[in-house]
Structures are given as structure tokens and as C-alpha cells.
N, C-alpha and C. Protein backbone atom coordinates (compact mmCIF):
# COMPACT_ATOMS: atom_id res chain seq x y z
N MET A 1 -26.48 29.23 3.48
CA MET A 1 -25.10 29.08 3.90
C MET A 1 -24.71 27.61 4.04
N LYS A 2 -25.63 26.80 4.62
CA LYS A 2 -25.35 25.39 4.81
C LYS A 2 -25.17 24.69 3.46
N LYS A 3 -25.94 25.11 2.46
CA LYS A 3 -25.83 24.51 1.13
C LYS A 3 -24.44 24.74 0.55
N HIS A 4 -23.90 25.92 0.77
CA HIS A 4 -22.57 26.25 0.26
C HIS A 4 -21.50 25.38 0.91
N ILE A 5 -21.62 25.16 2.20
CA ILE A 5 -20.65 24.33 2.92
C ILE A 5 -20.71 22.89 2.41
N ILE A 6 -21.91 22.38 2.21
CA ILE A 6 -22.07 21.01 1.71
C ILE A 6 -21.48 20.89 0.30
N ILE A 7 -21.73 21.85 -0.54
CA ILE A 7 -21.20 21.83 -1.90
C ILE A 7 -19.67 21.90 -1.89
N ILE A 8 -19.12 22.78 -1.08
CA ILE A 8 -17.65 22.92 -0.98
C ILE A 8 -17.04 21.63 -0.46
N ALA A 9 -17.64 21.04 0.56
CA ALA A 9 -17.11 19.79 1.12
C ALA A 9 -17.19 18.66 0.10
N SER A 10 -18.26 18.59 -0.66
CA SER A 10 -18.42 17.55 -1.68
C SER A 10 -17.37 17.70 -2.78
N VAL A 11 -17.16 18.92 -3.23
CA VAL A 11 -16.16 19.17 -4.26
C VAL A 11 -14.76 18.83 -3.75
N ALA A 12 -14.47 19.20 -2.50
CA ALA A 12 -13.16 18.89 -1.91
C ALA A 12 -12.92 17.39 -1.86
N CYS A 13 -13.94 16.62 -1.48
CA CYS A 13 -13.80 15.16 -1.46
C CYS A 13 -13.54 14.61 -2.85
N LEU A 14 -14.22 15.13 -3.84
CA LEU A 14 -14.01 14.66 -5.21
C LEU A 14 -12.61 15.00 -5.70
N LEU A 15 -12.15 16.20 -5.40
CA LEU A 15 -10.83 16.62 -5.87
C LEU A 15 -9.70 15.90 -5.14
N LEU A 16 -9.85 15.69 -3.87
CA LEU A 16 -8.81 15.03 -3.09
C LEU A 16 -8.84 13.52 -3.25
N GLY A 17 -9.94 13.00 -3.68
CA GLY A 17 -10.07 11.55 -3.83
C GLY A 17 -10.38 10.93 -2.49
N CYS A 18 -11.13 9.88 -2.54
CA CYS A 18 -11.48 9.19 -1.30
C CYS A 18 -10.64 7.93 -1.21
N GLU A 19 -9.78 7.87 -0.24
CA GLU A 19 -8.95 6.71 -0.02
C GLU A 19 -9.00 6.38 1.46
N PRO A 20 -8.92 5.10 1.82
CA PRO A 20 -9.06 4.74 3.23
C PRO A 20 -7.94 5.26 4.12
N CYS A 21 -6.76 5.52 3.56
CA CYS A 21 -5.64 6.05 4.33
C CYS A 21 -4.68 6.73 3.35
N PRO A 22 -3.79 7.60 3.85
CA PRO A 22 -2.84 8.28 2.95
C PRO A 22 -1.98 7.27 2.18
N HIS A 23 -1.71 7.56 0.95
CA HIS A 23 -0.85 6.80 0.04
C HIS A 23 -1.51 5.54 -0.53
N TYR A 24 -2.72 5.22 -0.12
CA TYR A 24 -3.40 4.02 -0.60
C TYR A 24 -3.48 4.00 -2.13
N ASN A 25 -3.87 5.11 -2.71
CA ASN A 25 -4.05 5.17 -4.16
C ASN A 25 -2.73 5.23 -4.93
N ARG A 26 -1.61 5.45 -4.24
CA ARG A 26 -0.30 5.49 -4.90
C ARG A 26 0.34 4.11 -5.04
N ILE A 27 -0.19 3.13 -4.34
CA ILE A 27 0.40 1.79 -4.37
C ILE A 27 0.14 1.14 -5.72
N ARG A 28 1.20 0.60 -6.30
CA ARG A 28 1.07 -0.18 -7.53
C ARG A 28 1.02 -1.64 -7.13
N ALA A 29 0.04 -2.36 -7.64
CA ALA A 29 -0.10 -3.77 -7.30
C ALA A 29 -0.25 -4.59 -8.57
N GLY A 30 0.33 -5.78 -8.55
CA GLY A 30 0.24 -6.67 -9.69
C GLY A 30 0.47 -8.10 -9.25
N SER A 31 0.15 -9.02 -10.14
CA SER A 31 0.36 -10.44 -9.82
C SER A 31 1.75 -10.85 -10.28
N LEU A 32 2.22 -11.96 -9.76
CA LEU A 32 3.54 -12.46 -10.14
C LEU A 32 3.52 -13.11 -11.51
N THR A 33 2.34 -13.49 -11.98
CA THR A 33 2.23 -14.17 -13.27
C THR A 33 2.03 -13.20 -14.43
N GLY A 34 1.77 -11.95 -14.12
CA GLY A 34 1.51 -10.97 -15.18
C GLY A 34 0.04 -10.88 -15.53
N GLY A 35 -0.74 -11.83 -15.06
CA GLY A 35 -2.19 -11.81 -15.28
C GLY A 35 -2.87 -10.98 -14.20
N PRO A 36 -4.18 -11.08 -14.14
CA PRO A 36 -4.89 -10.33 -13.09
C PRO A 36 -4.61 -10.91 -11.71
N ILE A 37 -4.72 -10.07 -10.70
CA ILE A 37 -4.57 -10.51 -9.32
C ILE A 37 -5.78 -11.38 -9.00
N PRO A 38 -5.56 -12.55 -8.37
CA PRO A 38 -6.69 -13.41 -8.03
C PRO A 38 -7.74 -12.66 -7.21
N SER A 39 -8.98 -12.90 -7.50
CA SER A 39 -10.08 -12.25 -6.79
C SER A 39 -10.41 -13.04 -5.53
N LEU A 40 -10.11 -12.45 -4.39
CA LEU A 40 -10.39 -13.08 -3.10
C LEU A 40 -11.34 -12.19 -2.31
N PRO A 41 -12.08 -12.76 -1.38
CA PRO A 41 -12.94 -11.92 -0.55
C PRO A 41 -12.11 -10.95 0.29
N LYS A 42 -12.60 -9.72 0.39
CA LYS A 42 -11.89 -8.71 1.19
C LYS A 42 -11.84 -9.13 2.64
N LYS A 43 -10.77 -8.72 3.32
CA LYS A 43 -10.62 -8.94 4.76
C LYS A 43 -10.93 -7.62 5.46
N PRO A 44 -11.38 -7.69 6.71
CA PRO A 44 -11.56 -6.44 7.46
C PRO A 44 -10.21 -5.76 7.68
N HIS A 45 -10.19 -4.44 7.58
CA HIS A 45 -8.95 -3.70 7.83
C HIS A 45 -8.52 -3.97 9.28
N GLY A 46 -7.24 -4.20 9.47
CA GLY A 46 -6.73 -4.52 10.79
C GLY A 46 -6.54 -6.01 11.02
N GLU A 47 -6.97 -6.83 10.07
CA GLU A 47 -6.85 -8.28 10.22
C GLU A 47 -5.62 -8.85 9.51
N VAL A 48 -5.00 -8.07 8.63
CA VAL A 48 -3.83 -8.53 7.88
C VAL A 48 -2.59 -8.42 8.77
N LYS A 49 -1.80 -9.48 8.81
CA LYS A 49 -0.60 -9.51 9.65
C LYS A 49 0.60 -8.97 8.88
N LEU A 50 1.42 -8.18 9.55
CA LEU A 50 2.63 -7.61 8.96
C LEU A 50 3.84 -8.45 9.35
N TYR A 51 4.65 -8.81 8.36
CA TYR A 51 5.90 -9.54 8.58
C TYR A 51 7.05 -8.68 8.06
N GLN A 52 8.14 -8.63 8.80
CA GLN A 52 9.32 -7.88 8.40
C GLN A 52 10.27 -8.73 7.56
N ASP A 53 10.08 -10.06 7.61
CA ASP A 53 10.96 -10.98 6.89
C ASP A 53 10.20 -12.29 6.62
N LYS A 54 10.56 -12.97 5.56
CA LYS A 54 9.92 -14.25 5.23
C LYS A 54 10.03 -15.26 6.35
N SER A 55 11.13 -15.22 7.08
CA SER A 55 11.36 -16.20 8.14
C SER A 55 10.36 -16.07 9.29
N GLU A 56 9.69 -14.95 9.40
CA GLU A 56 8.70 -14.75 10.47
C GLU A 56 7.40 -15.47 10.20
N VAL A 57 7.12 -15.83 8.95
CA VAL A 57 5.86 -16.49 8.60
C VAL A 57 5.97 -17.95 9.01
N THR A 58 5.12 -18.37 9.93
CA THR A 58 5.20 -19.74 10.46
C THR A 58 4.29 -20.71 9.72
N GLU A 59 3.30 -20.22 8.99
CA GLU A 59 2.39 -21.09 8.25
C GLU A 59 2.83 -21.20 6.79
N LYS A 60 2.38 -22.25 6.11
CA LYS A 60 2.64 -22.36 4.67
C LYS A 60 1.81 -21.29 3.97
N TYR A 61 2.43 -20.67 2.97
CA TYR A 61 1.75 -19.58 2.28
C TYR A 61 2.18 -19.53 0.82
N GLU A 62 1.44 -18.71 0.08
CA GLU A 62 1.84 -18.39 -1.29
C GLU A 62 1.71 -16.90 -1.49
N VAL A 63 2.61 -16.35 -2.30
CA VAL A 63 2.56 -14.94 -2.65
C VAL A 63 1.64 -14.83 -3.87
N PHE A 64 0.61 -14.01 -3.76
CA PHE A 64 -0.31 -13.88 -4.90
C PHE A 64 -0.32 -12.48 -5.50
N ALA A 65 0.31 -11.52 -4.83
CA ALA A 65 0.38 -10.16 -5.39
C ALA A 65 1.61 -9.47 -4.82
N ILE A 66 2.10 -8.53 -5.60
CA ILE A 66 3.25 -7.74 -5.17
C ILE A 66 2.83 -6.27 -5.25
N MET A 67 3.25 -5.50 -4.26
CA MET A 67 2.88 -4.10 -4.19
C MET A 67 4.15 -3.27 -4.05
N SER A 68 4.13 -2.05 -4.57
CA SER A 68 5.30 -1.18 -4.45
C SER A 68 4.87 0.27 -4.30
N LEU A 69 5.78 1.04 -3.69
CA LEU A 69 5.54 2.44 -3.44
C LEU A 69 6.88 3.12 -3.21
N THR A 70 7.04 4.31 -3.73
CA THR A 70 8.26 5.09 -3.52
C THR A 70 7.90 6.40 -2.86
N GLY A 71 8.71 6.80 -1.88
CA GLY A 71 8.43 8.06 -1.22
C GLY A 71 9.43 8.40 -0.14
N ASP A 72 9.12 9.44 0.60
CA ASP A 72 9.97 9.96 1.66
C ASP A 72 10.05 8.93 2.80
N PRO A 73 11.27 8.54 3.21
CA PRO A 73 11.40 7.57 4.30
C PRO A 73 10.69 8.00 5.58
N GLY A 74 10.48 9.27 5.77
CA GLY A 74 9.77 9.75 6.95
C GLY A 74 8.30 9.36 6.97
N ASP A 75 7.77 8.97 5.82
CA ASP A 75 6.37 8.55 5.71
C ASP A 75 6.21 7.04 5.84
N GLU A 76 7.25 6.34 6.25
CA GLU A 76 7.20 4.87 6.30
C GLU A 76 6.00 4.33 7.09
N PRO A 77 5.66 4.87 8.26
CA PRO A 77 4.48 4.33 8.96
C PRO A 77 3.20 4.43 8.13
N ARG A 78 3.05 5.51 7.39
CA ARG A 78 1.87 5.66 6.53
C ARG A 78 1.91 4.68 5.36
N PHE A 79 3.11 4.43 4.83
CA PHE A 79 3.25 3.46 3.73
C PHE A 79 2.85 2.07 4.21
N ILE A 80 3.30 1.71 5.40
CA ILE A 80 2.97 0.38 5.95
C ILE A 80 1.46 0.25 6.14
N THR A 81 0.84 1.28 6.69
CA THR A 81 -0.62 1.27 6.86
C THR A 81 -1.31 1.12 5.51
N ALA A 82 -0.82 1.84 4.50
CA ALA A 82 -1.42 1.75 3.17
C ALA A 82 -1.27 0.35 2.59
N PHE A 83 -0.10 -0.27 2.76
CA PHE A 83 0.09 -1.65 2.30
C PHE A 83 -0.89 -2.60 2.99
N LEU A 84 -1.07 -2.44 4.29
CA LEU A 84 -1.97 -3.32 5.04
C LEU A 84 -3.43 -3.14 4.58
N TYR A 85 -3.83 -1.90 4.34
CA TYR A 85 -5.19 -1.64 3.85
C TYR A 85 -5.38 -2.24 2.46
N ARG A 86 -4.41 -2.02 1.59
CA ARG A 86 -4.53 -2.54 0.22
C ARG A 86 -4.55 -4.06 0.23
N ALA A 87 -3.70 -4.68 1.07
CA ALA A 87 -3.67 -6.14 1.16
C ALA A 87 -5.01 -6.68 1.67
N ALA A 88 -5.61 -5.99 2.64
CA ALA A 88 -6.92 -6.41 3.14
C ALA A 88 -7.96 -6.37 2.02
N ASP A 89 -7.90 -5.31 1.20
CA ASP A 89 -8.84 -5.21 0.08
C ASP A 89 -8.60 -6.27 -0.98
N LEU A 90 -7.36 -6.76 -1.07
CA LEU A 90 -7.04 -7.84 -2.01
C LEU A 90 -7.39 -9.21 -1.44
N GLY A 91 -7.66 -9.29 -0.13
CA GLY A 91 -7.99 -10.56 0.50
C GLY A 91 -6.80 -11.29 1.09
N ALA A 92 -5.70 -10.59 1.34
CA ALA A 92 -4.49 -11.23 1.85
C ALA A 92 -4.61 -11.56 3.34
N ASP A 93 -3.87 -12.58 3.74
CA ASP A 93 -3.76 -12.92 5.16
C ASP A 93 -2.59 -12.18 5.81
N GLY A 94 -1.58 -11.85 5.01
CA GLY A 94 -0.41 -11.19 5.54
C GLY A 94 0.32 -10.41 4.48
N VAL A 95 1.28 -9.60 4.94
CA VAL A 95 2.12 -8.78 4.07
C VAL A 95 3.57 -8.94 4.53
N ILE A 96 4.45 -9.25 3.60
CA ILE A 96 5.88 -9.28 3.89
C ILE A 96 6.46 -8.00 3.32
N LEU A 97 7.04 -7.16 4.20
CA LEU A 97 7.52 -5.84 3.81
C LEU A 97 9.01 -5.87 3.52
N TYR A 98 9.41 -5.19 2.44
CA TYR A 98 10.82 -5.03 2.08
C TYR A 98 11.09 -3.55 1.92
N ARG A 99 12.20 -3.09 2.48
CA ARG A 99 12.57 -1.67 2.37
C ARG A 99 13.77 -1.54 1.46
N GLY A 100 13.73 -0.55 0.58
CA GLY A 100 14.88 -0.25 -0.26
C GLY A 100 15.72 0.85 0.38
N PRO A 101 16.92 1.04 -0.08
CA PRO A 101 17.76 2.10 0.50
C PRO A 101 17.25 3.48 0.11
N ALA A 102 17.41 4.42 1.01
CA ALA A 102 17.04 5.81 0.73
C ALA A 102 18.08 6.41 -0.20
N GLN A 103 17.63 7.16 -1.20
CA GLN A 103 18.52 7.76 -2.18
C GLN A 103 18.09 9.20 -2.44
N GLY A 104 19.06 10.04 -2.78
CA GLY A 104 18.75 11.41 -3.17
C GLY A 104 18.05 11.40 -4.52
N VAL A 105 17.09 12.30 -4.68
CA VAL A 105 16.31 12.37 -5.92
C VAL A 105 16.56 13.72 -6.56
N SER A 106 16.87 13.72 -7.83
CA SER A 106 17.09 14.97 -8.56
C SER A 106 15.98 15.19 -9.57
N GLY A 107 15.63 16.44 -9.75
CA GLY A 107 14.62 16.81 -10.73
C GLY A 107 15.13 17.91 -11.62
N TRP A 108 14.23 18.57 -12.30
CA TRP A 108 14.60 19.66 -13.20
C TRP A 108 15.37 20.76 -12.48
N TYR A 109 14.96 21.03 -11.25
CA TYR A 109 15.53 22.18 -10.54
C TYR A 109 16.46 21.75 -9.41
N GLY A 110 17.19 20.69 -9.61
CA GLY A 110 18.14 20.22 -8.59
C GLY A 110 17.54 19.14 -7.72
N SER A 111 18.08 19.02 -6.54
CA SER A 111 17.65 17.97 -5.63
C SER A 111 16.23 18.23 -5.13
N THR A 112 15.41 17.20 -5.15
CA THR A 112 14.03 17.31 -4.66
C THR A 112 13.85 16.58 -3.35
N GLY A 113 14.92 16.05 -2.76
CA GLY A 113 14.81 15.38 -1.47
C GLY A 113 15.33 13.97 -1.51
N VAL A 114 14.86 13.18 -0.57
CA VAL A 114 15.28 11.80 -0.42
C VAL A 114 14.07 10.91 -0.63
N ALA A 115 14.27 9.81 -1.31
CA ALA A 115 13.17 8.86 -1.52
C ALA A 115 13.69 7.45 -1.28
N ALA A 116 12.78 6.58 -0.90
CA ALA A 116 13.10 5.17 -0.72
C ALA A 116 12.01 4.35 -1.38
N ALA A 117 12.38 3.17 -1.83
CA ALA A 117 11.42 2.26 -2.45
C ALA A 117 10.97 1.24 -1.42
N TYR A 118 9.69 0.99 -1.39
CA TYR A 118 9.12 0.00 -0.49
C TYR A 118 8.37 -1.02 -1.34
N ARG A 119 8.55 -2.27 -1.00
CA ARG A 119 7.89 -3.36 -1.73
C ARG A 119 7.26 -4.28 -0.69
N ALA A 120 6.13 -4.83 -1.03
CA ALA A 120 5.47 -5.76 -0.13
C ALA A 120 4.87 -6.89 -0.93
N GLU A 121 4.89 -8.07 -0.35
CA GLU A 121 4.26 -9.22 -0.96
C GLU A 121 2.97 -9.54 -0.19
N ALA A 122 1.87 -9.61 -0.92
CA ALA A 122 0.60 -10.01 -0.31
C ALA A 122 0.56 -11.53 -0.33
N ILE A 123 0.34 -12.13 0.84
CA ILE A 123 0.35 -13.59 0.93
C ILE A 123 -0.99 -14.11 1.44
N ARG A 124 -1.27 -15.34 1.07
CA ARG A 124 -2.43 -16.05 1.64
C ARG A 124 -1.94 -17.38 2.15
N TYR A 125 -2.48 -17.77 3.30
CA TYR A 125 -2.08 -19.01 3.91
C TYR A 125 -2.68 -20.20 3.14
N LEU A 126 -1.92 -21.26 3.02
CA LEU A 126 -2.40 -22.47 2.38
C LEU A 126 -3.00 -23.36 3.46
N LYS A 127 -4.13 -23.91 3.19
CA LYS A 127 -4.80 -24.73 4.21
C LYS A 127 -4.80 -26.17 3.83
């Protein structure tokens, strides 16, 4: 019986994917130059600072990656957590978050709900 539970749990993990937090794998990230994102040492999760506006950043910095995600505005706290986790994995010191307006979304069968676009800039401090 224990073998069956272990097998079922293993298959569930493979099917659901292993991500550090919800929406992590949905984030699209790229560099501003169109080339690869610079390879920086990862930061511990929880060490990346969140900024709501560029004016909040008091140190000199450069933007080295841009991230985006679209989804239900009700999931915003999870989106922010996902941006912070992804930025930590990219080696960022901070994230500047931008929110897009919520809009109705239509699909094949009519309205599918409301979605908003979220964008974040991964920054590193200049020393």
C-alpha cells in the first residue's frame, strides 16, 4: 500500500510540475538587449526588495531583466511572490512592479473573466 502512495505522489509531482510558488513557471523573463539574461549568483528567497515605483529606489541601479505575467487581479499577491522568487533566482537585488489595467477577456465561448497584465523589472544595485 505504501508503494502505491509513493508512486501516486511522485506522478502527481511530475504532472503538476515543481515550482517554488504558484505562477512561478508562468512568468516570462527576458533581457532588455534581446540577448540572454546576465548570469548572476542566485539570491536567497526573501532577500529581494519590492518597489512599487522607480522613485522608491534610493541606490543607483540598472535594470537587467524584465518579467511579465497576465492573470486574474485577485491573484496579485501570488504574482508578486512569484516575481520575487524569480528575481531571486536571476540574482536581482530588487524588483520594480508595474500593474496594468484590469480588462474583460473574451474567448470562444464568451467572456472568460477579468485579466490584468503585470510587469516587473529585475534590478541590481551598482557599487
